[in-house]
Amino acid sequence: MSQKTVITTDQTITLFSPLTTGDGKTLNEITMRVPKRKDIAKSQRHSKDPVEAETFLFHLLTGLTMEDIGELTLADSNQLSDMFRQFHVRDNNQPE
């Protein structure tokens, strides 16, 4: 029988490039809380555009504004996407 990995705690990433938020704070890391089904539903209702829906979802999960999410470098944005995917249940015997 295969084992499953489930991440059930908030996760923090260290940014490659510090982010200065709209209110003037400089962030070197971002914490994402564990997503819930309702977060996915809210983001899909917010926009049919996948990039806009993802930005809204990350806003919900990190507490950053959508404008702040938009100011992330592509590398840091990819880190958020990767972190989000880590919350999915996966079979340890399957490639990611």
N, C-alpha and C. Protein backbone atom coordinates (compact mmCIF):
# COMPACT_ATOMS: atom_id res chain seq x y z
N MET A 1 0.85 -1.18 0.00
CA MET A 1 0.00 0.00 0.00
C MET A 1 0.89 1.24 0.00
N SER A 2 0.56 2.21 -0.78
CA SER A 2 1.37 3.42 -0.89
C SER A 2 1.02 4.40 0.22
N GLN A 3 2.01 5.19 0.62
CA GLN A 3 1.79 6.21 1.62
C GLN A 3 1.43 7.52 0.95
N LYS A 4 0.63 8.31 1.64
CA LYS A 4 0.26 9.64 1.15
C LYS A 4 0.89 10.69 2.03
N THR A 5 1.30 11.80 1.41
CA THR A 5 1.83 12.93 2.14
C THR A 5 0.79 14.04 2.11
N VAL A 6 0.45 14.55 3.28
CA VAL A 6 -0.51 15.65 3.37
C VAL A 6 0.12 16.75 4.21
N ILE A 7 0.19 17.95 3.67
CA ILE A 7 0.69 19.09 4.42
C ILE A 7 -0.51 19.79 5.04
N THR A 8 -0.52 19.86 6.36
CA THR A 8 -1.68 20.39 7.07
C THR A 8 -1.34 21.61 7.92
N THR A 9 -0.17 22.18 7.72
CA THR A 9 0.22 23.38 8.47
C THR A 9 0.59 24.50 7.50
N ASP A 10 0.50 25.71 7.98
CA ASP A 10 0.91 26.86 7.18
C ASP A 10 2.36 26.67 6.73
N GLN A 11 2.67 27.20 5.55
CA GLN A 11 4.01 27.06 4.99
C GLN A 11 4.59 28.45 4.70
N THR A 12 5.90 28.60 4.91
CA THR A 12 6.57 29.87 4.69
C THR A 12 7.67 29.70 3.66
N ILE A 13 7.76 30.66 2.74
CA ILE A 13 8.86 30.68 1.78
C ILE A 13 9.71 31.92 2.03
N THR A 14 10.99 31.78 1.75
CA THR A 14 11.89 32.93 1.75
C THR A 14 11.93 33.47 0.33
N LEU A 15 11.67 34.76 0.19
CA LEU A 15 11.65 35.39 -1.12
C LEU A 15 13.06 35.51 -1.70
N PHE A 16 13.17 35.35 -3.00
CA PHE A 16 14.44 35.58 -3.68
C PHE A 16 14.75 37.08 -3.70
N SER A 17 13.69 37.89 -3.84
CA SER A 17 13.82 39.34 -3.87
C SER A 17 12.86 39.93 -2.84
N PRO A 18 13.33 40.77 -1.92
CA PRO A 18 12.43 41.37 -0.94
C PRO A 18 11.27 42.10 -1.63
N LEU A 19 10.12 42.06 -1.00
CA LEU A 19 8.92 42.71 -1.52
C LEU A 19 8.58 43.89 -0.64
N THR A 20 8.46 45.07 -1.24
CA THR A 20 7.97 46.24 -0.52
C THR A 20 6.48 46.34 -0.80
N THR A 21 5.68 46.20 0.25
CA THR A 21 4.23 46.20 0.10
C THR A 21 3.70 47.62 -0.11
N GLY A 22 2.46 47.71 -0.48
CA GLY A 22 1.83 49.00 -0.71
C GLY A 22 1.83 49.91 0.50
N ASP A 23 1.88 49.30 1.70
CA ASP A 23 1.91 50.12 2.92
C ASP A 23 3.33 50.37 3.42
N GLY A 24 4.33 50.06 2.56
CA GLY A 24 5.72 50.41 2.85
C GLY A 24 6.52 49.38 3.63
N LYS A 25 5.94 48.25 3.97
CA LYS A 25 6.68 47.21 4.69
C LYS A 25 7.54 46.42 3.70
N THR A 26 8.70 45.99 4.15
CA THR A 26 9.57 45.15 3.34
C THR A 26 9.49 43.72 3.87
N LEU A 27 9.11 42.80 3.00
CA LEU A 27 8.98 41.39 3.38
C LEU A 27 10.09 40.58 2.75
N ASN A 28 10.67 39.69 3.55
CA ASN A 28 11.67 38.75 3.05
C ASN A 28 11.12 37.34 2.97
N GLU A 29 9.94 37.13 3.55
CA GLU A 29 9.29 35.84 3.48
C GLU A 29 7.78 36.03 3.48
N ILE A 30 7.09 35.00 2.99
CA ILE A 30 5.63 35.01 2.91
C ILE A 30 5.14 33.69 3.47
N THR A 31 4.10 33.76 4.29
CA THR A 31 3.46 32.56 4.82
C THR A 31 2.12 32.36 4.13
N MET A 32 1.88 31.13 3.72
CA MET A 32 0.61 30.76 3.09
C MET A 32 -0.10 29.80 4.04
N ARG A 33 -1.36 30.11 4.36
CA ARG A 33 -2.12 29.22 5.22
C ARG A 33 -2.65 28.05 4.40
N VAL A 34 -3.09 27.04 5.11
CA VAL A 34 -3.63 25.85 4.46
C VAL A 34 -4.91 26.24 3.71
N PRO A 35 -4.99 25.92 2.41
CA PRO A 35 -6.18 26.28 1.64
C PRO A 35 -7.40 25.44 2.03
N LYS A 36 -8.55 26.02 1.82
CA LYS A 36 -9.83 25.32 2.02
C LYS A 36 -10.57 25.32 0.69
N ARG A 37 -11.51 24.42 0.55
CA ARG A 37 -12.31 24.34 -0.69
C ARG A 37 -12.98 25.68 -0.99
N LYS A 38 -13.44 26.35 0.05
CA LYS A 38 -14.13 27.62 -0.17
C LYS A 38 -13.20 28.67 -0.77
N ASP A 39 -11.89 28.58 -0.49
CA ASP A 39 -10.94 29.52 -1.10
C ASP A 39 -10.89 29.32 -2.61
N ILE A 40 -10.88 28.07 -3.03
CA ILE A 40 -10.86 27.77 -4.47
C ILE A 40 -12.14 28.29 -5.11
N ALA A 41 -13.27 28.03 -4.46
CA ALA A 41 -14.56 28.49 -4.99
C ALA A 41 -14.60 30.02 -5.11
N LYS A 42 -14.12 30.71 -4.08
CA LYS A 42 -14.10 32.19 -4.12
C LYS A 42 -13.23 32.70 -5.26
N SER A 43 -12.07 32.07 -5.45
CA SER A 43 -11.18 32.54 -6.51
C SER A 43 -11.78 32.29 -7.88
N GLN A 44 -12.49 31.18 -8.05
CA GLN A 44 -13.12 30.89 -9.34
C GLN A 44 -14.29 31.82 -9.60
N ARG A 45 -15.00 32.22 -8.54
CA ARG A 45 -16.09 33.19 -8.71
C ARG A 45 -15.54 34.59 -8.99
N HIS A 46 -14.37 34.88 -8.44
CA HIS A 46 -13.78 36.20 -8.62
C HIS A 46 -13.46 36.48 -10.09
N SER A 47 -12.92 35.47 -10.79
CA SER A 47 -12.56 35.69 -12.19
C SER A 47 -12.46 34.36 -12.92
N LYS A 48 -12.84 34.38 -14.17
CA LYS A 48 -12.67 33.20 -15.04
C LYS A 48 -11.26 33.18 -15.63
N ASP A 49 -10.55 34.30 -15.57
CA ASP A 49 -9.17 34.37 -16.04
C ASP A 49 -8.28 33.64 -15.03
N PRO A 50 -7.54 32.61 -15.46
CA PRO A 50 -6.76 31.81 -14.50
C PRO A 50 -5.70 32.59 -13.73
N VAL A 51 -5.07 33.56 -14.36
CA VAL A 51 -4.04 34.35 -13.66
C VAL A 51 -4.69 35.23 -12.60
N GLU A 52 -5.79 35.87 -12.95
CA GLU A 52 -6.50 36.73 -12.00
C GLU A 52 -7.07 35.90 -10.84
N ALA A 53 -7.60 34.71 -11.15
CA ALA A 53 -8.13 33.83 -10.10
C ALA A 53 -7.02 33.37 -9.17
N GLU A 54 -5.85 33.04 -9.72
CA GLU A 54 -4.72 32.62 -8.89
C GLU A 54 -4.24 33.77 -8.02
N THR A 55 -4.18 34.98 -8.57
CA THR A 55 -3.77 36.15 -7.78
C THR A 55 -4.72 36.36 -6.62
N PHE A 56 -6.02 36.24 -6.88
CA PHE A 56 -7.01 36.39 -5.82
C PHE A 56 -6.86 35.29 -4.78
N LEU A 57 -6.62 34.06 -5.22
CA LEU A 57 -6.43 32.94 -4.31
C LEU A 57 -5.23 33.18 -3.41
N PHE A 58 -4.11 33.61 -3.99
CA PHE A 58 -2.92 33.88 -3.19
C PHE A 58 -3.15 35.04 -2.22
N HIS A 59 -3.95 36.02 -2.64
CA HIS A 59 -4.35 37.11 -1.73
C HIS A 59 -5.08 36.52 -0.52
N LEU A 60 -6.03 35.62 -0.76
CA LEU A 60 -6.78 35.01 0.34
C LEU A 60 -5.87 34.21 1.27
N LEU A 61 -4.92 33.50 0.71
CA LEU A 61 -4.11 32.57 1.49
C LEU A 61 -2.91 33.21 2.19
N THR A 62 -2.48 34.37 1.71
CA THR A 62 -1.30 35.03 2.30
C THR A 62 -1.64 36.29 3.08
N GLY A 63 -2.80 36.89 2.81
CA GLY A 63 -3.15 38.16 3.45
C GLY A 63 -2.55 39.36 2.76
N LEU A 64 -1.76 39.13 1.71
CA LEU A 64 -1.23 40.25 0.92
C LEU A 64 -2.33 40.81 0.03
N THR A 65 -2.18 42.06 -0.39
CA THR A 65 -3.14 42.61 -1.34
C THR A 65 -2.87 42.01 -2.72
N MET A 66 -3.83 42.11 -3.59
CA MET A 66 -3.64 41.63 -4.96
C MET A 66 -2.55 42.44 -5.64
N GLU A 67 -2.46 43.72 -5.32
CA GLU A 67 -1.41 44.56 -5.89
C GLU A 67 -0.03 44.09 -5.43
N ASP A 68 0.08 43.71 -4.16
CA ASP A 68 1.35 43.20 -3.65
C ASP A 68 1.72 41.88 -4.34
N ILE A 69 0.76 41.01 -4.52
CA ILE A 69 1.01 39.74 -5.23
C ILE A 69 1.53 40.06 -6.64
N GLY A 70 0.94 41.06 -7.28
CA GLY A 70 1.36 41.45 -8.62
C GLY A 70 2.77 41.99 -8.69
N GLU A 71 3.31 42.47 -7.56
CA GLU A 71 4.66 43.01 -7.52
C GLU A 71 5.73 41.95 -7.27
N LEU A 72 5.33 40.72 -7.01
CA LEU A 72 6.31 39.65 -6.82
C LEU A 72 7.08 39.39 -8.10
N THR A 73 8.35 39.04 -7.97
CA THR A 73 9.10 38.62 -9.15
C THR A 73 8.51 37.31 -9.64
N LEU A 74 8.77 36.97 -10.88
CA LEU A 74 8.25 35.72 -11.42
C LEU A 74 8.78 34.53 -10.62
N ALA A 75 10.04 34.59 -10.21
CA ALA A 75 10.62 33.49 -9.42
C ALA A 75 9.87 33.32 -8.10
N ASP A 76 9.55 34.42 -7.44
CA ASP A 76 8.83 34.32 -6.16
C ASP A 76 7.38 33.93 -6.37
N SER A 77 6.77 34.39 -7.45
CA SER A 77 5.42 33.96 -7.79
C SER A 77 5.39 32.45 -8.03
N ASN A 78 6.40 31.94 -8.71
CA ASN A 78 6.49 30.50 -8.93
C ASN A 78 6.66 29.74 -7.62
N GLN A 79 7.39 30.33 -6.66
CA GLN A 79 7.51 29.71 -5.35
C GLN A 79 6.14 29.58 -4.67
N LEU A 80 5.31 30.62 -4.79
CA LEU A 80 3.96 30.56 -4.21
C LEU A 80 3.15 29.46 -4.88
N SER A 81 3.23 29.39 -6.21
CA SER A 81 2.49 28.34 -6.94
C SER A 81 2.95 26.96 -6.50
N ASP A 82 4.26 26.79 -6.37
CA ASP A 82 4.80 25.49 -5.93
C ASP A 82 4.33 25.16 -4.52
N MET A 83 4.33 26.16 -3.64
CA MET A 83 3.88 25.95 -2.28
C MET A 83 2.41 25.52 -2.26
N PHE A 84 1.59 26.19 -3.07
CA PHE A 84 0.17 25.84 -3.13
C PHE A 84 0.01 24.38 -3.54
N ARG A 85 0.76 23.95 -4.55
CA ARG A 85 0.66 22.56 -5.01
C ARG A 85 1.09 21.57 -3.93
N GLN A 86 1.96 21.98 -3.02
CA GLN A 86 2.40 21.08 -1.95
C GLN A 86 1.27 20.74 -0.97
N PHE A 87 0.23 21.54 -0.95
CA PHE A 87 -0.89 21.25 -0.06
C PHE A 87 -1.75 20.10 -0.59
N HIS A 88 -1.60 19.75 -1.85
CA HIS A 88 -2.38 18.66 -2.43
C HIS A 88 -1.88 17.33 -1.89
N VAL A 89 -2.80 16.41 -1.71
CA VAL A 89 -2.42 15.05 -1.30
C VAL A 89 -1.75 14.38 -2.49
N ARG A 90 -0.63 13.72 -2.23
CA ARG A 90 0.01 13.02 -3.31
C ARG A 90 0.55 11.68 -2.81
N ASP A 91 0.63 10.76 -3.72
CA ASP A 91 1.15 9.43 -3.45
C ASP A 91 2.68 9.53 -3.43
N ASN A 92 3.30 9.06 -2.35
CA ASN A 92 4.76 9.15 -2.24
C ASN A 92 5.48 8.33 -3.29
N ASN A 93 4.80 7.39 -3.93
CA ASN A 93 5.43 6.54 -4.95
C ASN A 93 5.27 7.11 -6.34
N GLN A 94 4.59 8.24 -6.47
CA GLN A 94 4.40 8.87 -7.78
C GLN A 94 5.25 10.10 -7.89
N PRO A 95 5.75 10.40 -9.11
CA PRO A 95 6.50 11.64 -9.28
C PRO A 95 5.59 12.84 -9.07
N GLU A 96 6.19 13.96 -8.62
CA GLU A 96 5.40 15.19 -8.41
C GLU A 96 4.99 15.82 -9.69
